[in-house]
Amino acid sequence: MKILIAFFSLFSVASAQTIVCKKNMPGGVHKVTITNSKVTVSYPGFSKPRVFTNLKLANGPITDYGLAIFSDNHYGCIRNVIVITDFREPFDAGYMHPVDFGTCSGGSTPDEICHVD
């Protein structure tokens, strides 16, 4: 139940603000932007950003075809964010893998307090 509440909190926070997750990886920075209506995954190696708009809240995680986002909401700090999707092209070719983004910016608590880099 605690996890379910945390994901509802993330989704309701996203409706008021944009959650942005970044991680330096070989080849560039993986970036995931979450709003109440879409999730955008970008990477310098992509021909164009991947946009997910058919978002569902299924037993906690935010999901869409080819996307799952798990996280914890620690008093407005969005932490332990794991995104599972295709992080290489061609999309939908079975290259899905998880990326642990740690703490993301844009929760209801200021980033300085959440220690977002």
C-alpha atoms as a PDB file:
ATOM      1  CA  MET A   1       0.000   0.000   0.000  1.00  0.00           C
ATOM      2  CA  LYS A   2       2.873   2.382   0.828  1.00  0.00           C
ATOM      3  CA  ILE A   3       4.324   1.910  -2.674  1.00  0.00           C
ATOM      4  CA  LEU A   4       0.946   2.492  -4.311  1.00  0.00           C
ATOM      5  CA  ILE A   5       0.490   5.770  -2.413  1.00  0.00           C
ATOM      6  CA  ALA A   6       3.996   6.870  -3.420  1.00  0.00           C
ATOM      7  CA  PHE A   7       3.214   6.355  -7.113  1.00  0.00           C
ATOM      8  CA  PHE A   8      -0.093   8.199  -6.864  1.00  0.00           C
ATOM      9  CA  SER A   9       1.872  10.997  -5.199  1.00  0.00           C
ATOM     10  CA  LEU A  10       4.406  11.025  -8.047  1.00  0.00           C
ATOM     11  CA  PHE A  11       1.643  11.185 -10.635  1.00  0.00           C
ATOM     12  CA  SER A  12      -0.214  13.964  -8.799  1.00  0.00           C
ATOM     13  CA  VAL A  13       3.055  15.909  -8.342  1.00  0.00           C
ATOM     14  CA  ALA A  14       3.713  15.494 -12.045  1.00  0.00           C
ATOM     15  CA  SER A  15       0.361  17.115 -12.782  1.00  0.00           C
ATOM     16  CA  ALA A  16       1.511  20.289 -11.027  1.00  0.00           C
ATOM     17  CA  GLN A  17       5.166  20.145 -12.063  1.00  0.00           C
ATOM     18  CA  THR A  18       7.466  18.411 -14.464  1.00  0.00           C
ATOM     19  CA  ILE A  19       9.705  15.662 -13.080  1.00  0.00           C
ATOM     20  CA  VAL A  20      13.091  15.496 -14.841  1.00  0.00           C
ATOM     21  CA  CYS A  21      15.515  12.599 -14.433  1.00  0.00           C
ATOM     22  CA  LYS A  22      19.043  12.700 -15.873  1.00  0.00           C
ATOM     23  CA  LYS A  23      21.931  10.246 -15.824  1.00  0.00           C
ATOM     24  CA  ASN A  24      25.333  10.409 -17.483  1.00  0.00           C
ATOM     25  CA  MET A  25      25.884   7.228 -19.469  1.00  0.00           C
ATOM     26  CA  PRO A  26      28.351   6.172 -22.158  1.00  0.00           C
ATOM     27  CA  GLY A  27      27.482   8.187 -25.252  1.00  0.00           C
ATOM     28  CA  GLY A  28      25.708  11.013 -23.444  1.00  0.00           C
ATOM     29  CA  VAL A  29      23.005  11.907 -20.947  1.00  0.00           C
ATOM     30  CA  HIS A  30      19.843   9.818 -20.649  1.00  0.00           C
ATOM     31  CA  LYS A  31      16.952  12.152 -19.831  1.00  0.00           C
ATOM     32  CA  VAL A  32      13.380  11.274 -18.843  1.00  0.00           C
ATOM     33  CA  THR A  33      10.777  14.034 -18.504  1.00  0.00           C
ATOM     34  CA  ILE A  34       7.494  13.148 -16.790  1.00  0.00           C
ATOM     35  CA  THR A  35       4.326  15.271 -16.889  1.00  0.00           C
ATOM     36  CA  ASN A  36       0.707  14.357 -16.210  1.00  0.00           C
ATOM     37  CA  SER A  37       0.067  13.716 -19.916  1.00  0.00           C
ATOM     38  CA  LYS A  38       3.320  12.334 -21.324  1.00  0.00           C
ATOM     39  CA  VAL A  39       6.740  10.854 -20.671  1.00  0.00           C
ATOM     40  CA  THR A  40       9.597  11.829 -22.969  1.00  0.00           C
ATOM     41  CA  VAL A  41      12.791   9.755 -23.120  1.00  0.00           C
ATOM     42  CA  SER A  42      15.746  11.388 -24.860  1.00  0.00           C
ATOM     43  CA  TYR A  43      19.342  10.432 -25.507  1.00  0.00           C
ATOM     44  CA  PRO A  44      21.922  11.902 -27.929  1.00  0.00           C
ATOM     45  CA  GLY A  45      22.004   8.599 -29.866  1.00  0.00           C
ATOM     46  CA  PHE A  46      18.259   8.696 -30.655  1.00  0.00           C
ATOM     47  CA  SER A  47      17.127   9.953 -34.047  1.00  0.00           C
ATOM     48  CA  LYS A  48      14.303  11.699 -32.142  1.00  0.00           C
ATOM     49  CA  PRO A  49      13.029  11.631 -28.526  1.00  0.00           C
ATOM     50  CA  ARG A  50      10.621   8.837 -27.665  1.00  0.00           C
ATOM     51  CA  VAL A  51       7.280  10.156 -26.377  1.00  0.00           C
ATOM     52  CA  PHE A  52       4.756   8.061 -24.423  1.00  0.00           C
ATOM     53  CA  THR A  53       1.227   9.484 -24.140  1.00  0.00           C
ATOM     54  CA  ASN A  54      -0.981   6.508 -23.221  1.00  0.00           C
ATOM     55  CA  LEU A  55       0.043   6.567 -19.559  1.00  0.00           C
ATOM     56  CA  LYS A  56      -1.521   4.215 -17.035  1.00  0.00           C
ATOM     57  CA  LEU A  57      -1.130   3.873 -13.299  1.00  0.00           C
ATOM     58  CA  ALA A  58      -1.187   0.081 -12.987  1.00  0.00           C
ATOM     59  CA  ASN A  59      -0.779  -1.143  -9.408  1.00  0.00           C
ATOM     60  CA  GLY A  60       1.703   1.621  -8.684  1.00  0.00           C
ATOM     61  CA  PRO A  61       4.155   2.129 -11.539  1.00  0.00           C
ATOM     62  CA  ILE A  62       3.537   4.522 -14.403  1.00  0.00           C
ATOM     63  CA  THR A  63       3.298   2.388 -17.527  1.00  0.00           C
ATOM     64  CA  ASP A  64       2.711   2.533 -21.254  1.00  0.00           C
ATOM     65  CA  TYR A  65       3.530   0.114 -24.044  1.00  0.00           C
ATOM     66  CA  GLY A  66       7.324  -0.264 -23.755  1.00  0.00           C
ATOM     67  CA  LEU A  67       7.645   1.818 -20.558  1.00  0.00           C
ATOM     68  CA  ALA A  68       7.576   1.285 -16.797  1.00  0.00           C
ATOM     69  CA  ILE A  69       8.594   3.849 -14.168  1.00  0.00           C
ATOM     70  CA  PHE A  70       9.052   2.934 -10.513  1.00  0.00           C
ATOM     71  CA  SER A  71       9.873   5.490  -7.790  1.00  0.00           C
ATOM     72  CA  ASP A  72       9.556   6.537  -4.169  1.00  0.00           C
ATOM     73  CA  ASN A  73       8.199   9.872  -2.966  1.00  0.00           C
ATOM     74  CA  HIS A  74      10.119  10.863   0.162  1.00  0.00           C
ATOM     75  CA  TYR A  75       8.260  13.938   1.429  1.00  0.00           C
ATOM     76  CA  GLY A  76       8.201  15.524  -2.022  1.00  0.00           C
ATOM     77  CA  CYS A  77      11.640  14.284  -3.111  1.00  0.00           C
ATOM     78  CA  ILE A  78      11.331  11.864  -6.033  1.00  0.00           C
ATOM     79  CA  ARG A  79      13.906   9.149  -5.272  1.00  0.00           C
ATOM     80  CA  ASN A  80      14.901   5.621  -6.329  1.00  0.00           C
ATOM     81  CA  VAL A  81      13.573   6.202  -9.835  1.00  0.00           C
ATOM     82  CA  ILE A  82      13.976   3.219 -12.143  1.00  0.00           C
ATOM     83  CA  VAL A  83      12.880   3.538 -15.760  1.00  0.00           C
ATOM     84  CA  ILE A  84      12.537   0.442 -17.938  1.00  0.00           C
ATOM     85  CA  THR A  85      12.299   1.127 -21.668  1.00  0.00           C
ATOM     86  CA  ASP A  86      14.279   0.949 -24.919  1.00  0.00           C
ATOM     87  CA  PHE A  87      17.395   3.052 -24.496  1.00  0.00           C
ATOM     88  CA  ARG A  88      18.683   2.226 -27.973  1.00  0.00           C
ATOM     89  CA  GLU A  89      17.180   2.127 -31.420  1.00  0.00           C
ATOM     90  CA  PRO A  90      15.367   0.573 -33.185  1.00  0.00           C
ATOM     91  CA  PHE A  91      12.546   0.955 -30.677  1.00  0.00           C
ATOM     92  CA  ASP A  92      10.383  -2.100 -29.935  1.00  0.00           C
ATOM     93  CA  ALA A  93      13.198  -4.450 -30.970  1.00  0.00           C
ATOM     94  CA  GLY A  94      13.608  -5.996 -27.507  1.00  0.00           C
ATOM     95  CA  TYR A  95      16.412  -3.773 -26.232  1.00  0.00           C
ATOM     96  CA  MET A  96      14.543  -2.769 -23.062  1.00  0.00           C
ATOM     97  CA  HIS A  97      16.590  -2.467 -19.900  1.00  0.00           C
ATOM     98  CA  PRO A  98      16.333  -0.657 -16.565  1.00  0.00           C
ATOM     99  CA  VAL A  99      18.189   2.549 -15.751  1.00  0.00           C
ATOM    100  CA  ASP A 100      18.417   3.704 -12.136  1.00  0.00           C
ATOM    101  CA  PHE A 101      18.175   7.496 -12.103  1.00  0.00           C
ATOM    102  CA  GLY A 102      18.372   7.893  -8.324  1.00  0.00           C
ATOM    103  CA  THR A 103      16.822  11.236  -7.321  1.00  0.00           C
ATOM    104  CA  CYS A 104      15.048  13.355  -9.918  1.00  0.00           C
ATOM    105  CA  SER A 105      14.288  17.075  -9.961  1.00  0.00           C
ATOM    106  CA  GLY A 106      10.875  18.691  -9.879  1.00  0.00           C
ATOM    107  CA  GLY A 107       9.128  17.156  -6.870  1.00  0.00           C
ATOM    108  CA  SER A 108       7.108  19.310  -4.491  1.00  0.00           C
ATOM    109  CA  THR A 109      10.199  19.823  -2.289  1.00  0.00           C
ATOM    110  CA  PRO A 110      12.947  22.124  -3.663  1.00  0.00           C
ATOM    111  CA  ASP A 111      15.800  20.332  -5.456  1.00  0.00           C
ATOM    112  CA  GLU A 112      18.389  21.833  -3.082  1.00  0.00           C
ATOM    113  CA  ILE A 113      16.762  20.063  -0.147  1.00  0.00           C
ATOM    114  CA  CYS A 114      16.453  16.792  -2.097  1.00  0.00           C
ATOM    115  CA  HIS A 115      20.134  17.044  -3.139  1.00  0.00           C
ATOM    116  CA  VAL A 116      19.493  16.791  -6.871  1.00  0.00           C
ATOM    117  CA  ASP A 117      22.653  17.304  -8.957  1.00  0.00           C
END
